[in-house]
Amino acid sequence: MTMAVRYLVDWTFDKTEITRIYAEPFSLNFASRRVLEKTGFSHDGTLQRSAFKNGRFIDQELYALLKP
């Protein structure tokens, strides 16, 4: 998955005018968070109670990557 995210990020920055990519994985989704960290995304903060899933509110994490 890390390789796929790297490819997509590289392609997006090379082929478009997008300068910032962000992701909001659920706080307890440690695998997705780790992929983002390994791909160079920085952790910008926690979005408390920002999603409603399975009958309850849960936190999300905000990760971002800026075009070099």
N, C-alpha and C. Protein backbone atom coordinates (compact mmCIF):
# COMPACT_ATOMS: atom_id res chain seq x y z
N MET A 1 0.82 -1.19 0.00
CA MET A 1 0.00 0.00 0.00
C MET A 1 0.87 1.26 0.00
N THR A 2 1.98 1.22 0.72
CA THR A 2 2.86 2.39 0.77
C THR A 2 3.35 2.76 -0.62
N MET A 3 3.71 1.75 -1.41
CA MET A 3 4.19 2.02 -2.77
C MET A 3 3.09 2.65 -3.62
N ALA A 4 1.87 2.19 -3.46
CA ALA A 4 0.75 2.75 -4.22
C ALA A 4 0.50 4.21 -3.86
N VAL A 5 0.57 4.52 -2.58
CA VAL A 5 0.36 5.91 -2.14
C VAL A 5 1.50 6.78 -2.66
N ARG A 6 2.73 6.29 -2.58
CA ARG A 6 3.87 7.06 -3.10
C ARG A 6 3.70 7.36 -4.59
N TYR A 7 3.29 6.34 -5.34
CA TYR A 7 3.10 6.53 -6.78
C TYR A 7 2.02 7.58 -7.04
N LEU A 8 0.92 7.47 -6.34
CA LEU A 8 -0.18 8.41 -6.54
C LEU A 8 0.21 9.84 -6.16
N VAL A 9 0.94 9.99 -5.07
CA VAL A 9 1.40 11.31 -4.65
C VAL A 9 2.35 11.88 -5.69
N ASP A 10 3.33 11.11 -6.11
CA ASP A 10 4.29 11.59 -7.12
C ASP A 10 3.58 11.97 -8.41
N TRP A 11 2.67 11.14 -8.86
CA TRP A 11 1.94 11.42 -10.09
C TRP A 11 1.13 12.71 -9.94
N THR A 12 0.45 12.86 -8.83
CA THR A 12 -0.39 14.04 -8.60
C THR A 12 0.43 15.32 -8.61
N PHE A 13 1.56 15.31 -7.91
CA PHE A 13 2.39 16.51 -7.87
C PHE A 13 3.05 16.79 -9.22
N ASP A 14 3.40 15.76 -9.97
CA ASP A 14 4.04 15.94 -11.28
C ASP A 14 3.07 16.39 -12.36
N LYS A 15 1.85 15.86 -12.35
CA LYS A 15 0.93 16.06 -13.47
C LYS A 15 -0.17 17.08 -13.22
N THR A 16 -0.30 17.60 -12.00
CA THR A 16 -1.36 18.56 -11.71
C THR A 16 -0.77 19.78 -11.01
N GLU A 17 -1.60 20.76 -10.79
CA GLU A 17 -1.18 21.97 -10.07
C GLU A 17 -1.50 21.89 -8.58
N ILE A 18 -1.88 20.72 -8.11
CA ILE A 18 -2.18 20.52 -6.70
C ILE A 18 -0.88 20.68 -5.90
N THR A 19 -0.95 21.44 -4.81
CA THR A 19 0.24 21.68 -4.00
C THR A 19 0.14 21.10 -2.59
N ARG A 20 -1.05 20.60 -2.24
CA ARG A 20 -1.23 20.02 -0.90
C ARG A 20 -2.21 18.87 -0.98
N ILE A 21 -1.81 17.74 -0.40
CA ILE A 21 -2.68 16.57 -0.33
C ILE A 21 -2.91 16.28 1.14
N TYR A 22 -4.16 15.99 1.50
CA TYR A 22 -4.42 15.67 2.90
C TYR A 22 -5.27 14.41 3.01
N ALA A 23 -5.20 13.80 4.19
CA ALA A 23 -5.97 12.58 4.47
C ALA A 23 -6.48 12.66 5.90
N GLU A 24 -7.62 12.02 6.14
CA GLU A 24 -8.24 12.03 7.46
C GLU A 24 -8.62 10.61 7.90
N PRO A 25 -7.63 9.78 8.21
CA PRO A 25 -7.96 8.42 8.66
C PRO A 25 -8.55 8.44 10.06
N PHE A 26 -9.34 7.41 10.38
CA PHE A 26 -9.85 7.27 11.74
C PHE A 26 -8.67 7.10 12.69
N SER A 27 -8.79 7.65 13.88
CA SER A 27 -7.69 7.62 14.85
C SER A 27 -7.22 6.21 15.18
N LEU A 28 -8.14 5.26 15.22
CA LEU A 28 -7.77 3.89 15.57
C LEU A 28 -7.29 3.06 14.38
N ASN A 29 -7.23 3.66 13.20
CA ASN A 29 -6.75 2.94 12.01
C ASN A 29 -5.23 3.14 11.91
N PHE A 30 -4.51 2.42 12.75
CA PHE A 30 -3.06 2.59 12.85
C PHE A 30 -2.33 2.20 11.57
N ALA A 31 -2.86 1.25 10.82
CA ALA A 31 -2.20 0.84 9.57
C ALA A 31 -2.23 1.97 8.54
N SER A 32 -3.36 2.61 8.38
CA SER A 32 -3.46 3.72 7.42
C SER A 32 -2.59 4.89 7.87
N ARG A 33 -2.59 5.16 9.15
CA ARG A 33 -1.77 6.25 9.66
C ARG A 33 -0.29 5.98 9.41
N ARG A 34 0.13 4.74 9.57
CA ARG A 34 1.53 4.37 9.36
C ARG A 34 1.92 4.51 7.88
N VAL A 35 1.03 4.11 6.99
CA VAL A 35 1.30 4.29 5.55
C VAL A 35 1.52 5.76 5.23
N LEU A 36 0.67 6.62 5.76
CA LEU A 36 0.82 8.05 5.51
C LEU A 36 2.15 8.57 6.05
N GLU A 37 2.51 8.15 7.25
CA GLU A 37 3.78 8.59 7.84
C GLU A 37 4.97 8.11 7.02
N LYS A 38 4.93 6.85 6.57
CA LYS A 38 6.02 6.31 5.77
C LYS A 38 6.12 6.99 4.41
N THR A 39 5.03 7.57 3.95
CA THR A 39 5.01 8.23 2.65
C THR A 39 5.41 9.70 2.76
N GLY A 40 5.63 10.19 3.97
CA GLY A 40 6.11 11.55 4.14
C GLY A 40 5.06 12.54 4.62
N PHE A 41 3.84 12.08 4.86
CA PHE A 41 2.81 12.98 5.36
C PHE A 41 3.14 13.37 6.80
N SER A 42 2.80 14.60 7.15
CA SER A 42 2.99 15.05 8.53
C SER A 42 1.65 15.05 9.25
N HIS A 43 1.70 14.79 10.54
CA HIS A 43 0.49 14.78 11.37
C HIS A 43 0.20 16.22 11.78
N ASP A 44 -0.93 16.76 11.30
CA ASP A 44 -1.27 18.16 11.56
C ASP A 44 -2.23 18.34 12.73
N GLY A 45 -2.84 17.27 13.20
CA GLY A 45 -3.72 17.41 14.35
C GLY A 45 -4.77 16.32 14.42
N THR A 46 -5.59 16.41 15.45
CA THR A 46 -6.68 15.46 15.67
C THR A 46 -8.01 16.18 15.52
N LEU A 47 -8.90 15.61 14.75
CA LEU A 47 -10.25 16.14 14.57
C LEU A 47 -11.16 15.36 15.51
N GLN A 48 -11.41 15.92 16.67
CA GLN A 48 -12.15 15.21 17.70
C GLN A 48 -13.62 15.07 17.33
N ARG A 49 -14.13 13.85 17.52
CA ARG A 49 -15.53 13.52 17.27
C ARG A 49 -16.02 14.03 15.90
N SER A 50 -15.21 13.82 14.89
CA SER A 50 -15.50 14.37 13.57
C SER A 50 -16.23 13.41 12.63
N ALA A 51 -16.37 12.16 13.03
CA ALA A 51 -17.06 11.18 12.19
C ALA A 51 -18.04 10.38 13.05
N PHE A 52 -19.12 9.97 12.42
CA PHE A 52 -20.11 9.15 13.10
C PHE A 52 -20.11 7.79 12.43
N LYS A 53 -19.73 6.76 13.19
CA LYS A 53 -19.60 5.42 12.63
C LYS A 53 -20.12 4.41 13.65
N ASN A 54 -20.91 3.48 13.16
CA ASN A 54 -21.46 2.41 14.01
C ASN A 54 -22.13 2.96 15.27
N GLY A 55 -22.87 4.04 15.09
CA GLY A 55 -23.67 4.58 16.18
C GLY A 55 -22.93 5.42 17.20
N ARG A 56 -21.68 5.79 16.88
CA ARG A 56 -20.96 6.63 17.84
C ARG A 56 -20.01 7.58 17.11
N PHE A 57 -19.67 8.66 17.77
CA PHE A 57 -18.72 9.62 17.20
C PHE A 57 -17.31 9.13 17.48
N ILE A 58 -16.44 9.29 16.47
CA ILE A 58 -15.05 8.90 16.62
C ILE A 58 -14.14 10.01 16.10
N ASP A 59 -12.90 9.98 16.55
CA ASP A 59 -11.91 10.97 16.14
C ASP A 59 -11.27 10.57 14.81
N GLN A 60 -10.78 11.58 14.12
CA GLN A 60 -9.97 11.37 12.92
C GLN A 60 -8.68 12.14 13.09
N GLU A 61 -7.66 11.70 12.39
CA GLU A 61 -6.37 12.39 12.40
C GLU A 61 -6.22 13.13 11.07
N LEU A 62 -5.58 14.28 11.11
CA LEU A 62 -5.35 15.05 9.89
C LEU A 62 -3.88 14.95 9.52
N TYR A 63 -3.62 14.42 8.33
CA TYR A 63 -2.27 14.32 7.79
C TYR A 63 -2.20 15.13 6.50
N ALA A 64 -1.06 15.76 6.25
CA ALA A 64 -0.91 16.55 5.03
C ALA A 64 0.48 16.39 4.46
N LEU A 65 0.57 16.59 3.15
CA LEU A 65 1.84 16.55 2.43
C LEU A 65 1.84 17.71 1.45
N LEU A 66 2.89 18.53 1.50
CA LEU A 66 3.03 19.67 0.61
C LEU A 66 3.96 19.32 -0.54
N LYS A 67 3.67 19.89 -1.69
CA LYS A 67 4.51 19.67 -2.87
C LYS A 67 5.92 20.24 -2.58
N PRO A 68 6.93 19.46 -2.90
CA PRO A 68 8.31 19.94 -2.63
C PRO A 68 8.68 21.14 -3.49
